[in-house]
Amino acid sequence: MAYPAGIKGVVVGEGDTYEEALRDVQSALKFHLESFGPGALDTDEPVLDAFVAEATV
């Protein structure tokens, strides 16, 4: 699951791999901006990029 921090509203992307989740969240973010306009990015919060993975041993 991918969640871009630093925007107004909630945008989530899902995928079985990092690349799939990133592509999905990019698509969702594009839709969010088309729906709510560039003002949805007006925020003082920093934009973060973090990667979390689950592994079995």
C-alpha atoms as a PDB file:
ATOM      1  CA  MET A   1       0.000   0.000   0.000  1.00  0.00           C
ATOM      2  CA  ALA A   2       1.289   3.478  -0.828  1.00  0.00           C
ATOM      3  CA  TYR A   3       0.146   6.686   0.835  1.00  0.00           C
ATOM      4  CA  PRO A   4       1.646  10.031  -0.214  1.00  0.00           C
ATOM      5  CA  ALA A   5       2.043  12.331   2.790  1.00  0.00           C
ATOM      6  CA  GLY A   6       1.935  16.085   2.401  1.00  0.00           C
ATOM      7  CA  ILE A   7      -1.324  16.565   0.497  1.00  0.00           C
ATOM      8  CA  LYS A   8      -4.813  17.608   1.550  1.00  0.00           C
ATOM      9  CA  GLY A   9      -7.109  14.592   1.476  1.00  0.00           C
ATOM     10  CA  VAL A  10      -6.432  10.897   1.296  1.00  0.00           C
ATOM     11  CA  VAL A  11      -4.778   9.147  -1.633  1.00  0.00           C
ATOM     12  CA  VAL A  12      -3.891   5.456  -1.411  1.00  0.00           C
ATOM     13  CA  GLY A  13      -2.327   3.069  -3.897  1.00  0.00           C
ATOM     14  CA  GLU A  14      -2.030  -0.700  -3.666  1.00  0.00           C
ATOM     15  CA  GLY A  15       0.113  -3.338  -5.327  1.00  0.00           C
ATOM     16  CA  ASP A  16       1.926  -6.602  -4.751  1.00  0.00           C
ATOM     17  CA  THR A  17       5.290  -4.889  -5.325  1.00  0.00           C
ATOM     18  CA  TYR A  18       6.743  -1.466  -4.562  1.00  0.00           C
ATOM     19  CA  GLU A  19       6.585  -0.587  -8.259  1.00  0.00           C
ATOM     20  CA  GLU A  20       2.908  -1.607  -8.574  1.00  0.00           C
ATOM     21  CA  ALA A  21       1.930   0.369  -5.468  1.00  0.00           C
ATOM     22  CA  LEU A  22       3.882   3.394  -6.716  1.00  0.00           C
ATOM     23  CA  ARG A  23       2.174   3.291 -10.137  1.00  0.00           C
ATOM     24  CA  ASP A  24      -1.237   2.931  -8.489  1.00  0.00           C
ATOM     25  CA  VAL A  25      -0.696   5.834  -6.090  1.00  0.00           C
ATOM     26  CA  GLN A  26       0.609   8.009  -8.949  1.00  0.00           C
ATOM     27  CA  SER A  27      -2.607   7.299 -10.848  1.00  0.00           C
ATOM     28  CA  ALA A  28      -4.719   8.034  -7.755  1.00  0.00           C
ATOM     29  CA  LEU A  29      -2.808  11.264  -7.107  1.00  0.00           C
ATOM     30  CA  LYS A  30      -3.359  12.386 -10.720  1.00  0.00           C
ATOM     31  CA  PHE A  31      -7.101  11.762 -10.311  1.00  0.00           C
ATOM     32  CA  HIS A  32      -7.058  13.620  -6.955  1.00  0.00           C
ATOM     33  CA  LEU A  33      -5.410  16.668  -8.546  1.00  0.00           C
ATOM     34  CA  GLU A  34      -7.825  16.598 -11.496  1.00  0.00           C
ATOM     35  CA  SER A  35     -10.745  16.467  -9.046  1.00  0.00           C
ATOM     36  CA  PHE A  36      -9.585  19.003  -6.424  1.00  0.00           C
ATOM     37  CA  GLY A  37      -7.054  21.136  -8.306  1.00  0.00           C
ATOM     38  CA  PRO A  38      -3.465  22.057  -7.517  1.00  0.00           C
ATOM     39  CA  GLY A  39      -4.565  23.613  -4.207  1.00  0.00           C
ATOM     40  CA  ALA A  40      -4.721  20.052  -2.858  1.00  0.00           C
ATOM     41  CA  LEU A  41      -0.911  20.219  -2.698  1.00  0.00           C
ATOM     42  CA  ASP A  42      -0.840  23.468  -0.684  1.00  0.00           C
ATOM     43  CA  THR A  43       0.441  22.356   2.694  1.00  0.00           C
ATOM     44  CA  ASP A  44       3.313  23.063   5.059  1.00  0.00           C
ATOM     45  CA  GLU A  45       3.826  19.370   5.829  1.00  0.00           C
ATOM     46  CA  PRO A  46       6.956  17.757   4.368  1.00  0.00           C
ATOM     47  CA  VAL A  47       6.510  15.162   1.635  1.00  0.00           C
ATOM     48  CA  LEU A  48       7.988  11.842   2.769  1.00  0.00           C
ATOM     49  CA  ASP A  49       9.064   8.717   0.929  1.00  0.00           C
ATOM     50  CA  ALA A  50       9.243   5.561   3.039  1.00  0.00           C
ATOM     51  CA  PHE A  51       9.273   1.911   2.054  1.00  0.00           C
ATOM     52  CA  VAL A  52       7.971  -0.805   4.357  1.00  0.00           C
ATOM     53  CA  ALA A  53       8.140  -4.487   3.434  1.00  0.00           C
ATOM     54  CA  GLU A  54       6.895  -7.646   5.063  1.00  0.00           C
ATOM     55  CA  ALA A  55       9.181 -10.668   5.068  1.00  0.00           C
ATOM     56  CA  THR A  56       8.967 -14.194   6.420  1.00  0.00           C
ATOM     57  CA  VAL A  57      11.905 -16.041   7.925  1.00  0.00           C
END
